Protein backbone atom coordinates (compact mmCIF):
# COMPACT_ATOMS: atom_id res chain seq x y z
CA MET A 1 19.95 58.74 15.67
CA LYS A 2 18.37 57.56 12.43
CA ALA A 3 19.74 54.06 12.99
CA ILE A 4 18.37 54.00 16.56
CA LEU A 5 14.90 55.10 15.44
CA LEU A 6 14.82 52.48 12.70
CA ARG A 7 15.88 49.77 15.13
CA ALA A 8 13.12 50.84 17.53
CA GLY A 9 10.60 50.88 14.68
CA MET A 10 11.52 47.39 13.57
CA ALA A 11 11.25 46.11 17.14
CA ALA A 12 7.80 47.70 17.45
CA ILE A 13 6.63 46.11 14.19
CA ILE A 14 7.76 42.69 15.33
CA LEU A 15 5.97 43.19 18.67
CA ILE A 16 2.74 44.31 16.94
CA ALA A 17 2.87 41.38 14.56
CA SER A 18 3.29 38.97 17.44
CA SER A 19 0.39 40.55 19.35
CA ALA A 20 -1.88 40.47 16.31
CA LEU A 21 -1.21 36.81 15.79
CA GLN A 22 -1.96 36.07 19.44
CA LEU A 23 -5.26 37.99 19.27
CA ALA A 24 -6.27 36.15 16.12
CA LEU A 25 -5.65 32.84 17.76
CA ALA A 26 -7.42 33.93 20.95
CA ASP A 27 -10.57 34.92 19.04
CA ALA A 28 -10.79 31.66 17.16
CA PRO A 29 -11.20 28.35 18.98
CA TRP A 30 -8.80 25.67 17.89
CA VAL A 31 -11.66 23.70 16.49
CA GLN A 32 -12.38 26.59 14.11
CA TRP A 33 -8.73 27.05 13.09
CA ALA A 34 -9.41 25.71 9.59
CA GLU A 35 -12.10 28.36 9.11
CA VAL A 36 -9.74 31.15 10.24
CA LEU A 37 -7.13 30.00 7.76
CA HIS A 38 -9.79 29.81 5.07
CA LYS A 39 -10.77 33.40 5.58
CA GLY A 40 -7.10 34.33 5.42
CA ALA A 41 -7.33 36.99 8.14
CA VAL A 42 -4.21 35.92 9.95
CA MET A 43 -2.25 35.41 6.75
CA LYS A 44 -3.14 38.87 5.48
CA ARG A 45 -1.92 40.48 8.70
CA LEU A 46 1.30 38.54 8.65
CA LEU A 47 1.96 39.45 5.02
CA ILE A 48 1.45 43.14 5.73
CA PHE A 49 3.77 43.15 8.73
CA THR A 50 6.38 41.09 6.86
CA ALA A 51 6.35 43.62 4.00
CA LEU A 52 6.81 46.53 6.43
CA LEU A 53 9.63 44.71 8.19
CA THR A 54 11.36 43.98 4.87
CA VAL A 55 11.22 47.67 3.91
CA CYS A 56 12.78 48.73 7.20
CA LEU A 57 15.51 46.13 6.99
CA SER A 58 16.38 47.17 3.46
CA VAL A 59 17.16 50.77 4.43
CA ASP A 60 20.90 51.41 4.10
CA VAL A 61 22.05 52.91 7.38
CA PHE A 62 25.46 53.18 8.92
CA ALA A 63 24.64 50.80 11.76
CA ARG A 64 23.92 48.06 9.24
CA ARG A 65 26.16 48.83 6.23
CA GLU A 66 26.47 46.04 3.71
CA SER A 67 29.87 45.24 2.21
CA LEU A 68 30.93 47.04 -0.95
CA THR A 69 29.24 45.94 -4.12
CA PRO A 70 31.31 44.72 -7.10
CA GLU A 71 30.53 48.02 -8.84
CA GLN A 72 31.82 50.04 -5.88
CA LYS A 73 34.98 47.94 -5.68
CA ALA A 74 35.57 48.51 -9.39
CA ARG A 75 35.22 52.26 -8.85
CA LEU A 76 37.71 52.22 -6.00
CA GLN A 77 40.26 50.60 -8.30
CA THR A 78 40.07 53.72 -10.48
CA VAL A 79 40.28 56.31 -7.70
CA ASP A 80 42.59 59.18 -8.65
CA ARG A 81 41.13 62.45 -7.37
CA VAL A 82 40.87 62.49 -3.57
CA ALA A 83 39.03 65.29 -1.83
CA LEU A 84 40.53 66.20 1.54
CA GLU A 85 38.73 67.36 4.64
CA ALA A 86 41.24 67.84 7.46
CA ILE A 87 40.68 69.60 10.76
CA ALA A 88 42.77 70.14 13.88
CA LEU A 89 41.24 70.60 17.35
CA THR A 90 42.74 71.56 20.71
CA ASP A 91 41.27 72.40 24.10
CA GLN A 92 41.11 75.99 22.87
CA GLY A 93 39.00 75.12 19.86
CA GLN A 94 39.75 74.68 16.17
CA ALA A 95 43.38 75.22 15.22
CA ASP A 96 45.15 75.97 11.95
CA ALA A 97 45.16 72.76 9.89
CA SER A 98 47.14 74.08 6.91
CA ALA A 99 50.33 72.20 7.88
CA LEU A 100 48.31 69.01 8.34
CA GLN A 101 46.63 69.45 4.96
CA GLU A 102 49.95 70.06 3.22
CA LEU A 103 51.43 66.91 4.78
CA ILE A 104 48.53 64.77 3.59
CA ARG A 105 48.66 66.24 0.08
CA ARG A 106 52.35 65.48 -0.16
CA ARG A 107 52.06 61.95 1.21
CA MET A 108 49.16 61.07 -1.08
CA GLY A 109 51.15 62.52 -3.97
CA GLU A 110 53.85 59.92 -3.33
CA LEU A 111 51.47 57.38 -4.84
CA GLY A 112 50.35 59.70 -7.62
CA TYR A 113 47.00 60.73 -6.18
CA THR A 114 45.60 64.19 -6.92
CA VAL A 115 44.29 65.84 -3.75
CA VAL A 116 41.57 68.45 -4.27
CA ASP A 117 39.16 70.52 -2.24
CA PRO A 118 35.80 68.86 -1.42
CA ALA A 119 34.00 71.37 -3.66
CA GLN A 120 35.86 70.09 -6.72
CA PRO A 121 35.02 66.86 -8.60
CA HIS A 122 36.49 63.87 -6.81
CA ASP A 123 36.28 60.09 -6.51
CA VAL A 124 36.38 59.74 -2.72
CA LEU A 125 36.44 62.04 0.29
CA LEU A 126 39.31 61.50 2.73
CA LYS A 127 38.54 62.77 6.23
CA VAL A 128 41.31 63.37 8.77
CA LYS A 129 40.67 64.76 12.23
CA CYS A 130 43.56 65.42 14.63
CA GLU A 131 42.69 66.27 18.24
CA GLN A 132 44.44 67.07 21.48
CA ARG A 133 41.75 65.01 23.23
CA LYS A 134 40.21 62.42 20.96
CA ILE A 135 36.46 62.14 20.67
CA TRP A 136 35.34 58.68 19.59
CA GLU A 137 33.95 58.49 16.06
CA GLY A 138 34.05 54.74 15.59
CA THR A 139 31.73 52.47 13.70
CA ALA A 140 29.23 52.01 16.53
CA ALA A 141 28.65 52.67 20.18
CA SER A 142 29.17 49.00 20.86
CA GLY A 143 30.88 46.10 19.16
CA GLY A 144 34.54 45.50 18.46
CA ASP A 145 37.03 46.26 15.71
CA ALA A 146 40.09 46.68 17.92
CA ASP A 147 41.60 43.52 16.45
CA LEU A 148 42.10 45.30 13.12
CA PRO A 149 45.55 46.88 12.53
CA ASP A 150 45.73 50.55 13.57
CA SER A 151 42.02 50.60 14.36
CA PRO A 152 40.62 53.36 16.59
CA LEU A 153 40.65 52.59 20.30
CA ARG A 154 37.55 53.50 22.27
CA ALA A 155 39.53 53.75 25.50
CA TRP A 156 42.09 56.22 24.13
CA LYS A 157 41.28 59.83 25.09
CA GLY A 158 44.66 61.39 24.38
CA PRO A 159 46.00 63.04 21.21
CA ALA A 160 45.04 61.15 18.06
CA CYS A 161 44.35 61.51 14.35
CA GLN A 162 41.42 59.54 12.98
CA LEU A 163 41.37 58.74 9.26
CA THR A 164 38.52 57.41 7.11
CA TYR A 165 37.09 57.94 3.64
CA LEU A 166 33.62 58.30 2.16
CA LEU A 167 32.36 56.84 -1.11
CA ASP A 168 29.25 58.49 -2.56
CA GLY A 169 28.90 60.35 0.72
CA LYS A 170 28.67 57.14 2.75
CA SER A 171 31.12 55.99 5.40
CA THR A 172 33.17 52.88 4.79
CA GLN A 173 34.67 50.29 7.11
CA TRP A 174 38.19 51.64 6.54
CA ARG A 175 39.18 53.48 9.74
CA LYS A 176 42.68 54.10 11.03
CA GLU A 177 44.08 55.96 13.99
CA VAL A 178 47.51 57.27 14.92
CA ARG A 179 48.31 58.26 18.47
CA THR A 180 51.08 59.99 20.39
CA GLU A 181 53.20 58.15 22.91
CA PHE A 182 51.61 60.19 25.69
CA SER A 183 47.96 60.35 26.69
CA ASP A 184 48.12 63.64 28.60
CA ALA A 185 49.18 66.50 26.35
CA ILE A 186 49.27 69.04 29.17
CA LYS A 187 51.71 66.99 31.24
CA ALA A 188 53.80 66.06 28.20
CA ALA A 189 54.05 69.70 27.12
CA ALA A 190 55.05 70.74 30.64
CA ASP A 191 57.76 68.07 30.75
CA ALA A 192 59.06 69.28 27.38
CA LYS A 193 58.78 72.94 28.51
CA ALA A 194 56.44 73.64 25.58
CA PRO A 195 54.19 76.67 26.19
CA ASP A 196 51.11 75.42 24.30
CA PRO A 197 49.91 71.84 25.00
CA GLY A 198 47.55 71.85 22.04
CA ALA A 199 50.20 72.94 19.54
CA TYR A 200 52.64 70.45 21.07
CA ALA A 201 50.17 67.57 20.67
CA LEU A 202 49.36 68.51 17.06
CA GLU A 203 53.05 68.72 16.17
CA LYS A 204 53.66 65.24 17.56
CA LEU A 205 50.67 63.93 15.60
CA ARG A 206 52.03 65.46 12.40
CA ALA A 207 55.31 63.69 13.04
CA ARG A 208 53.43 60.40 13.44
CA LEU A 209 51.62 60.95 10.15
CA GLU A 210 54.97 61.53 8.45
CA ASP A 211 56.00 58.00 9.39
CA TYR A 212 52.61 56.33 8.99
CA ASP A 213 52.05 54.80 5.56
CA PHE A 214 48.36 55.64 5.32
CA PRO A 215 48.58 56.23 1.52
CA VAL A 216 49.80 52.64 1.10
CA LEU A 217 46.94 51.35 3.25
CA LEU A 218 44.44 53.32 1.19
CA ALA A 219 45.87 51.97 -2.08
CA GLU A 220 45.61 48.47 -0.62
CA ASP A 221 41.98 48.99 0.36
CA TRP A 222 41.22 50.36 -3.10
CA GLY A 223 42.93 47.42 -4.83
CA GLN A 224 45.47 49.57 -6.68
CA ASP A 225 48.53 47.34 -6.74
CA GLU A 226 50.13 49.13 -9.71
CA ARG A 227 50.56 52.30 -7.66
CA LEU A 228 52.19 50.25 -4.90
CA LEU A 229 54.52 48.51 -7.33
CA LYS A 230 55.59 51.82 -8.82
CA LEU A 231 56.56 53.11 -5.37
CA LEU A 232 58.25 49.80 -4.52
CA ARG A 233 60.46 50.12 -7.59
CA GLU A 234 61.48 53.65 -6.68
CA PRO A 235 65.13 53.56 -5.47
CA LYS A 236 64.50 56.33 -2.95
CA THR A 237 61.72 54.44 -1.15
CA PRO A 238 63.01 53.66 2.38
CA ALA A 239 63.16 50.06 3.55
CA PRO A 240 60.38 50.38 6.17
CA SER A 241 58.03 51.69 3.49
CA LYS A 242 59.03 48.84 1.18
CA VAL A 243 58.14 46.36 3.91
CA ARG A 244 54.74 48.01 4.34
CA ILE A 245 54.13 47.97 0.57
CA ILE A 246 55.15 44.32 0.28
CA HIS A 247 52.86 43.37 3.13
CA SER A 248 49.97 45.14 1.38
CA LEU A 249 50.71 43.37 -1.90
CA GLY A 250 50.60 40.04 -0.08
CA GLU A 251 47.31 40.92 1.60
CA MET A 252 45.91 41.84 -1.83
CA PHE A 253 47.07 38.50 -3.31
CA SER A 254 48.56 40.57 -6.12
CA ALA A 255 49.66 38.23 -8.89
CA ASN A 256 51.12 41.27 -10.67
CA ALA A 257 53.66 41.63 -7.87
CA ALA A 258 55.25 38.16 -8.17
CA ALA A 259 58.29 39.20 -10.22
CA ASP A 260 59.02 42.24 -8.05
CA LEU A 261 58.66 40.20 -4.86
CA GLN A 262 61.03 37.53 -6.12
CA ALA A 263 63.56 40.27 -6.84
CA ALA A 264 62.98 41.65 -3.34
CA LEU A 265 64.11 38.31 -1.88
CA LYS A 266 67.64 39.49 -2.63
CA ASP A 267 67.27 42.99 -1.20
CA GLN A 268 70.17 44.16 0.97
CA ASP A 269 67.89 45.21 3.82
CA SER A 270 67.30 42.46 6.37
CA GLU A 271 63.53 42.95 6.66
CA VAL A 272 62.57 43.32 3.00
CA PRO A 273 63.41 39.71 1.94
CA LYS A 274 61.46 38.29 4.87
CA ALA A 275 58.41 40.37 3.99
CA ALA A 276 58.73 39.38 0.33
CA ALA A 277 58.84 35.67 1.17
CA ILE A 278 55.73 35.89 3.35
CA ALA A 279 53.91 37.86 0.63
CA LEU A 280 54.84 35.28 -2.01
CA GLY A 281 53.40 32.59 0.27
CA ASN A 282 50.14 34.52 0.56
CA ILE A 283 49.91 35.08 -3.20
CA GLY A 284 50.62 31.40 -3.83
CA ARG A 285 52.07 31.45 -7.33
CA GLN A 286 53.76 28.18 -8.20
CA ASP A 287 56.55 29.90 -10.14
CA SER A 288 57.85 31.39 -6.87
CA ILE A 289 58.87 27.98 -5.46
CA GLU A 290 62.31 27.98 -7.08
CA ALA A 291 63.24 31.38 -5.63
CA LEU A 292 61.91 30.40 -2.20
CA VAL A 293 63.87 27.14 -2.22
CA GLU A 294 67.00 29.12 -3.05
CA MET A 295 66.39 31.38 -0.05
CA LEU A 296 65.78 28.33 2.16
CA LYS A 297 69.13 26.90 1.13
CA THR A 298 71.36 29.99 1.09
CA GLY A 299 69.65 32.74 3.10
CA ARG A 300 70.19 33.92 6.64
CA THR A 301 68.42 31.97 9.34
CA ASP A 302 65.55 34.43 9.72
CA HIS A 303 65.14 34.51 5.94
CA LYS A 304 65.05 30.71 5.86
CA VAL A 305 62.23 30.77 8.43
CA ALA A 306 60.15 33.01 6.16
CA ALA A 307 60.97 30.88 3.12
CA ALA A 308 59.88 27.68 4.89
CA LYS A 309 56.57 29.26 5.89
CA ALA A 310 55.96 30.42 2.32
CA LEU A 311 56.90 27.05 0.80
CA GLY A 312 54.41 25.28 3.03
CA LYS A 313 51.62 27.52 1.74
CA VAL A 314 52.55 27.46 -1.95
CA GLY A 315 53.38 23.76 -2.04
CA ALA A 316 50.14 22.79 -0.35
CA LEU A 317 48.11 25.05 -2.62
CA HIS A 318 49.43 23.38 -5.77
CA GLY A 319 50.23 19.93 -4.41
CA ASN A 320 53.83 20.42 -5.55
CA VAL A 321 55.95 17.78 -3.81
CA ALA A 322 59.12 19.45 -5.10
CA ILE A 323 59.17 21.36 -1.81
CA ILE A 324 59.64 18.18 0.27
CA PRO A 325 63.38 17.45 -0.33
CA PRO A 326 64.61 20.97 0.49
CA LEU A 327 62.38 21.07 3.57
CA LEU A 328 63.70 17.72 4.78
CA GLU A 329 67.22 19.01 4.27
CA ALA A 330 66.42 22.14 6.28
CA LEU A 331 64.93 19.93 9.02
CA GLN A 332 68.48 18.99 10.03
CA THR A 333 69.14 22.48 11.38
CA GLU A 334 69.95 23.01 15.05
CA ASP A 335 67.98 26.27 15.11
CA LEU A 336 64.69 25.50 16.87
CA VAL A 337 62.76 28.39 15.30
CA LEU A 338 63.69 27.30 11.79
CA LYS A 339 63.12 23.62 12.62
CA THR A 340 59.64 24.44 13.95
CA GLU A 341 58.66 26.34 10.80
CA VAL A 342 59.98 23.54 8.59
CA VAL A 343 57.91 21.00 10.53
CA TRP A 344 54.77 23.10 10.11
CA ALA A 345 55.48 23.35 6.37
CA LEU A 346 55.88 19.58 6.05
CA GLY A 347 52.48 19.15 7.65
CA GLN A 348 50.83 21.28 4.95
CA LEU A 349 51.57 18.77 2.17
CA PRO A 350 51.51 15.15 3.40
CA ASP A 351 54.28 13.06 1.85
CA ARG A 352 55.50 9.64 3.01
CA ARG A 353 59.11 10.82 2.84
CA ALA A 354 58.46 13.19 5.75
CA TYR A 355 56.87 10.65 8.09
CA GLU A 356 59.95 8.86 9.45
CA PRO A 357 62.05 12.04 9.95
CA LEU A 358 59.17 13.63 11.85
CA ALA A 359 58.54 10.48 13.88
CA ALA A 360 62.24 10.29 14.75
CA LEU A 361 62.18 13.93 15.81
CA GLN A 362 59.20 13.27 18.04
CA ARG A 363 60.92 10.28 19.66
CA SER A 364 64.01 12.37 20.35
CA MET A 365 61.86 14.98 22.12
CA ARG A 366 60.06 12.67 24.54
CA ASN A 367 62.56 13.35 27.29
CA MET A 368 62.41 17.09 26.65
CA ARG A 369 60.46 19.27 29.06
CA THR A 370 57.51 20.52 27.04
CA SER A 371 55.10 21.62 29.78
CA ASP A 372 55.68 25.24 28.78
CA ARG A 373 53.82 25.55 25.50
CA HIS A 374 55.18 29.07 25.04
CA SER A 375 58.79 27.88 25.01
CA GLN A 376 60.41 27.14 21.67
CA GLU A 377 60.64 23.46 22.61
CA GLY A 378 56.91 23.44 23.33
CA LYS A 379 56.16 25.09 20.00
CA LEU A 380 58.28 22.52 18.19
CA TRP A 381 56.50 19.68 19.97
CA ASP A 382 53.12 21.09 18.94
CA ALA A 383 54.30 21.43 15.34
CA VAL A 384 55.57 17.84 15.21
CA SER A 385 52.36 16.47 16.74
CA TYR A 386 50.23 18.42 14.28
CA SER A 387 52.22 17.40 11.20
CA LEU A 388 52.27 13.71 12.15
CA LYS A 389 48.51 13.80 12.66
CA GLN A 390 48.15 15.36 9.23
CA LEU A 391 50.22 12.57 7.72
CA ASP A 392 48.30 9.91 9.60
CA GLY A 393 44.97 11.42 8.61
CA PHE A 394 45.37 10.94 4.88
CA ASP A 395 44.45 7.56 3.41
CA GLN A 396 46.69 8.15 0.45
CA ILE A 397 50.03 9.92 0.67
CA ASN A 398 52.48 10.61 -2.09
């Protein structure tokens, strides 16, 4: 409501300022315009209205929240004590949230956070609300953030848990939502022969929170890569959680994670090495090229795809042409997915050695049906065309 009133006030000020200017001009003939300016009447009015408008615009409201300041980001990096406010709601009203609170305390403890009551000293306030029928509590009544991972959905009215945190009592842009597979708790409970739809929905939401790595996402948002690395090194950490942690480290561009990610390239799980390669590409450290080249040469096909993508990023970032020979060697593969990724990588760092192999590949594809851009052949054609244009576009190539 405060944001709406301020918006209305600002609109009124702008309208008044415009009207005042029109009246000033109407009262003074154009031939006397110099005299009006001399007296400064119009300028004084404009200055007053501009000052009022500036004051209104400077008010910090939720509808117009600025990004975190460097000081606030530095504070988030030191977050340790997390106050918890968790509630559970059903069609019958507020339900017992003790099981939900215990789950969150335990999950946050996996990363070493201390969870306290809101009345105790704390660094941030974590708010979790689980409902049988979700009530929207998004960032605004209009606008879009549905493209963000796990963001709340305005259209979802079924069981959901909404998670966010407050810094200095102010909401932040970090908002996540977990949902059940069903949107109608009453029907789902009846199908499962569960007597209480509300309790059934809350139990399913608790199960979702058990699998959802919200503590990792919070540590990522707070810039605490050391906590993530500690959990990554823990032998008992399951592979899916490792993948989530590695993805977060890559999104954080964590240079501290380079050694651990290079070690993860040799993990026995099939998904962990792929995630590690992509993260190393995002981080862009030049000392990861050797390990990525090794994966490109000896890894499984899907691992080679990730290594090629990463090499294209790291090589282009540093202008390191050492990536060209192994990529050209990998270009000989019969696997179209791998070939496509290698072609994209070659286009990231123009080198004359890649031109003829790519041109030959394009010539060999001219009789191929490429009308379907979603087919793998179509994707390869697009990659070849792009990379050749990149090579042609540089006046000087290595």
